[in-house]
Amino acid sequence: MSMKLDTILRKRKKKKHILERVKKKTTAIF
């Protein structure tokens, strides 16, 4: 159970990281 939660949190962190990278790219463009 805790392991499942850990993987979900990790996936969410990865998604957040990707979103932040995209945001930085968009701000650099504009």
N, C-alpha and C. Protein backbone atom coordinates (compact mmCIF):
# COMPACT_ATOMS: atom_id res chain seq x y z
N MET A 1 0.85 -1.21 0.00
CA MET A 1 0.00 0.00 0.00
C MET A 1 0.88 1.26 0.00
N SER A 2 1.79 1.34 0.94
CA SER A 2 2.66 2.52 1.02
C SER A 2 3.55 2.60 -0.24
N MET A 3 3.94 1.43 -0.75
CA MET A 3 4.78 1.40 -1.95
C MET A 3 3.99 1.99 -3.13
N LYS A 4 2.73 1.60 -3.23
CA LYS A 4 1.87 2.11 -4.31
C LYS A 4 1.79 3.64 -4.21
N LEU A 5 1.57 4.12 -3.01
CA LEU A 5 1.44 5.56 -2.79
C LEU A 5 2.74 6.26 -3.20
N ASP A 6 3.87 5.64 -2.87
CA ASP A 6 5.17 6.22 -3.21
C ASP A 6 5.32 6.36 -4.73
N THR A 7 4.93 5.31 -5.45
CA THR A 7 5.06 5.36 -6.92
C THR A 7 4.14 6.44 -7.49
N ILE A 8 2.94 6.56 -6.93
CA ILE A 8 1.99 7.58 -7.41
C ILE A 8 2.56 8.97 -7.16
N LEU A 9 3.13 9.17 -5.97
CA LEU A 9 3.70 10.47 -5.65
C LEU A 9 4.87 10.78 -6.58
N ARG A 10 5.67 9.75 -6.86
CA ARG A 10 6.82 9.95 -7.74
C ARG A 10 6.36 10.35 -9.14
N LYS A 11 5.33 9.67 -9.62
CA LYS A 11 4.79 9.99 -10.94
C LYS A 11 4.28 11.42 -10.97
N ARG A 12 3.61 11.80 -9.89
CA ARG A 12 3.07 13.16 -9.81
C ARG A 12 4.20 14.17 -9.82
N LYS A 13 5.28 13.85 -9.10
CA LYS A 13 6.43 14.75 -9.05
C LYS A 13 7.03 14.91 -10.43
N LYS A 14 7.11 13.80 -11.16
CA LYS A 14 7.65 13.85 -12.53
C LYS A 14 6.79 14.74 -13.40
N LYS A 15 5.48 14.58 -13.28
CA LYS A 15 4.55 15.40 -14.07
C LYS A 15 4.74 16.87 -13.72
N LYS A 16 4.86 17.16 -12.43
CA LYS A 16 5.05 18.54 -11.99
C LYS A 16 6.34 19.10 -12.58
N HIS A 17 7.38 18.27 -12.55
CA HIS A 17 8.68 18.69 -13.06
C HIS A 17 8.58 19.03 -14.55
N ILE A 18 7.88 18.19 -15.28
CA ILE A 18 7.70 18.42 -16.73
C ILE A 18 6.92 19.71 -16.96
N LEU A 19 5.87 19.90 -16.17
CA LEU A 19 5.05 21.11 -16.33
C LEU A 19 5.88 22.36 -16.05
N GLU A 20 6.70 22.28 -15.00
CA GLU A 20 7.54 23.44 -14.66
C GLU A 20 8.52 23.73 -15.78
N ARG A 21 9.07 22.66 -16.38
CA ARG A 21 10.02 22.83 -17.48
C ARG A 21 9.33 23.50 -18.67
N VAL A 22 8.10 23.08 -18.94
CA VAL A 22 7.33 23.65 -20.05
C VAL A 22 7.04 25.13 -19.76
N LYS A 23 6.72 25.41 -18.51
CA LYS A 23 6.43 26.80 -18.12
C LYS A 23 7.67 27.66 -18.35
N LYS A 24 8.83 27.16 -17.95
CA LYS A 24 10.07 27.90 -18.13
C LYS A 24 10.33 28.16 -19.61
N LYS A 25 10.07 27.14 -20.41
CA LYS A 25 10.28 27.28 -21.87
C LYS A 25 9.35 28.34 -22.43
N THR A 26 8.08 28.31 -22.03
CA THR A 26 7.10 29.27 -22.55
C THR A 26 7.46 30.69 -22.10
N THR A 27 7.92 30.83 -20.86
CA THR A 27 8.28 32.16 -20.37
C THR A 27 9.52 32.66 -21.11
N ALA A 28 10.43 31.75 -21.46
CA ALA A 28 11.64 32.13 -22.20
C ALA A 28 11.27 32.58 -23.60
N ILE A 29 10.25 31.94 -24.19
CA ILE A 29 9.82 32.30 -25.54
C ILE A 29 9.16 33.68 -25.52
N PHE A 30 8.31 33.92 -24.54
CA PHE A 30 7.60 35.20 -24.46
C PHE A 30 8.40 36.28 -23.75
